[in-house]
Amino acid sequence: KLVLLNIWATWCTPCREEMPALDRLQGRLGGPGFEIVALSIDQQGPDAARKFFDDVGIKALQLYIDPSAQAAFKLGVVGLPATLLIDRAGREIGRHLGPAKWDAPEIVADLRRMVDGPQQ
């Protein structure tokens, strides 16, 4: 499946602004061909991340946590939020640093074309 990997933290203000749009995008496109993986790099544990999800009204996203923050280091993430687009073969095909309006019509349309396009 096509994966949009979003690396975030509870203390990241732009992450708080961006997360509801990611949640709406997952609600629209999530399924067998597409998933958003929202990976928290918080070291405070799952309770802090769950509270963040509750505070910003997240309903469609699953919670993933890397308390070691090694994923961010190994992927060369230099700031938060960072979002990587990963194709069906596991290759990074896009990267965006900073917040984005992930549920904007043009982004949804582009991602839908990729999800519905030829399966590799």
Protein backbone atom coordinates (compact mmCIF):
# COMPACT_ATOMS: atom_id res chain seq x y z
CA LYS A 1 0.00 0.00 0.00
CA LEU A 2 0.95 3.64 -0.37
CA VAL A 3 2.02 5.00 3.04
CA LEU A 4 2.18 8.59 4.22
CA LEU A 5 4.56 8.44 7.22
CA ASN A 6 4.17 11.46 9.47
CA ILE A 7 6.75 11.94 12.22
CA TRP A 8 5.51 14.18 15.01
CA ALA A 9 5.66 14.96 18.74
CA THR A 10 3.19 16.26 21.32
CA TRP A 11 5.37 19.30 22.07
CA CYS A 12 5.41 20.34 18.39
CA THR A 13 2.94 23.19 17.82
CA PRO A 14 2.83 22.80 14.00
CA CYS A 15 2.10 19.08 14.56
CA ARG A 16 -0.95 20.02 16.62
CA GLU A 17 -2.17 22.24 13.77
CA GLU A 18 -1.54 19.59 11.09
CA MET A 19 -2.84 16.42 12.77
CA PRO A 20 -6.59 17.03 12.24
CA ALA A 21 -6.01 17.36 8.46
CA LEU A 22 -4.09 14.07 8.46
CA ASP A 23 -6.95 12.47 10.37
CA ARG A 24 -9.49 13.71 7.81
CA LEU A 25 -7.29 12.45 4.96
CA GLN A 26 -7.04 9.01 6.58
CA GLY A 27 -10.84 9.01 6.94
CA ARG A 28 -11.24 9.79 3.23
CA LEU A 29 -8.55 7.66 1.61
CA GLY A 30 -7.54 5.13 4.25
CA GLY A 31 -8.02 1.50 3.28
CA PRO A 32 -6.28 -1.39 1.58
CA GLY A 33 -4.39 0.89 -0.82
CA PHE A 34 -3.44 3.79 1.46
CA GLU A 35 -2.58 4.43 5.09
CA ILE A 36 -1.24 7.30 7.13
CA VAL A 37 1.23 6.16 9.77
CA ALA A 38 1.41 8.89 12.41
CA LEU A 39 4.62 8.09 14.32
CA SER A 40 5.16 9.94 17.58
CA ILE A 41 8.76 10.36 18.72
CA ASP A 42 7.74 11.41 22.23
CA GLN A 43 9.69 9.94 25.10
CA GLN A 44 6.89 10.57 27.62
CA GLY A 45 5.16 7.33 26.64
CA PRO A 46 1.85 6.38 25.07
CA ASP A 47 -0.35 8.25 27.56
CA ALA A 48 0.97 11.65 26.43
CA ALA A 49 0.44 10.75 22.77
CA ARG A 50 -3.08 9.40 23.43
CA LYS A 51 -3.96 12.60 25.31
CA PHE A 52 -2.70 14.63 22.34
CA PHE A 53 -4.92 12.57 19.98
CA ASP A 54 -7.90 13.13 22.31
CA ASP A 55 -7.18 16.86 22.65
CA VAL A 56 -7.12 17.46 18.88
CA GLY A 57 -10.02 15.09 18.12
CA ILE A 58 -8.22 12.31 16.23
CA LYS A 59 -10.57 9.49 15.25
CA ALA A 60 -9.29 7.78 12.08
CA LEU A 61 -5.53 7.56 12.72
CA GLN A 62 -3.85 4.74 14.58
CA LEU A 63 -1.25 5.69 17.16
CA TYR A 64 2.34 4.56 16.59
CA ILE A 65 5.13 5.48 18.99
CA ASP A 66 8.92 5.39 18.70
CA PRO A 67 10.11 6.52 22.15
CA SER A 68 13.74 6.11 21.06
CA ALA A 69 13.26 8.61 18.19
CA GLN A 70 15.59 6.39 16.17
CA ALA A 71 13.21 6.35 13.20
CA ALA A 72 13.55 10.12 12.83
CA PHE A 73 17.33 9.88 13.11
CA LYS A 74 17.64 7.00 10.64
CA LEU A 75 15.35 8.72 8.14
CA GLY A 76 17.32 11.96 8.32
CA VAL A 77 14.45 14.03 9.71
CA VAL A 78 15.72 17.51 10.58
CA GLY A 79 12.55 19.06 11.97
CA LEU A 80 8.94 18.34 12.87
CA PRO A 81 6.51 17.58 11.51
CA ALA A 82 8.14 15.58 8.73
CA THR A 83 6.13 13.54 6.25
CA LEU A 84 7.42 10.90 3.86
CA LEU A 85 5.46 9.33 1.03
CA ILE A 86 6.40 5.67 0.61
CA ASP A 87 5.38 3.66 -2.45
CA ARG A 88 4.14 0.08 -2.53
CA ALA A 89 7.71 -1.21 -2.91
CA GLY A 90 8.81 0.58 0.28
CA ARG A 91 10.71 3.37 -1.49
CA GLU A 92 10.52 6.98 -0.39
CA ILE A 93 9.04 8.95 -3.28
CA GLY A 94 8.33 12.24 -1.56
CA ARG A 95 9.17 14.24 1.56
CA HIS A 96 7.63 17.34 3.10
CA LEU A 97 9.08 19.19 6.08
CA GLY A 98 6.70 21.32 8.12
CA PRO A 99 2.92 21.37 8.40
CA ALA A 100 0.65 20.94 5.40
CA LYS A 101 -3.06 21.02 4.65
CA TRP A 102 -3.16 17.30 3.89
CA ASP A 103 -6.91 17.32 3.26
CA ALA A 104 -6.75 20.16 0.68
CA PRO A 105 -8.62 19.13 -2.50
CA GLU A 106 -5.52 19.14 -4.72
CA ILE A 107 -3.54 16.95 -2.30
CA VAL A 108 -6.44 14.53 -1.90
CA ALA A 109 -6.83 14.34 -5.71
CA ASP A 110 -3.09 13.70 -6.24
CA LEU A 111 -2.99 10.98 -3.59
CA ARG A 112 -6.20 9.39 -4.89
CA ARG A 113 -4.64 9.17 -8.38
CA MET A 114 -1.61 7.45 -6.87
CA VAL A 115 -3.75 5.03 -4.84
CA ASP A 116 -5.98 4.22 -7.80
CA GLY A 117 -3.11 4.14 -10.32
CA PRO A 118 -1.19 1.10 -11.55
CA GLN A 119 -0.24 -1.33 -8.79
CA GLN A 120 3.51 -1.92 -8.75
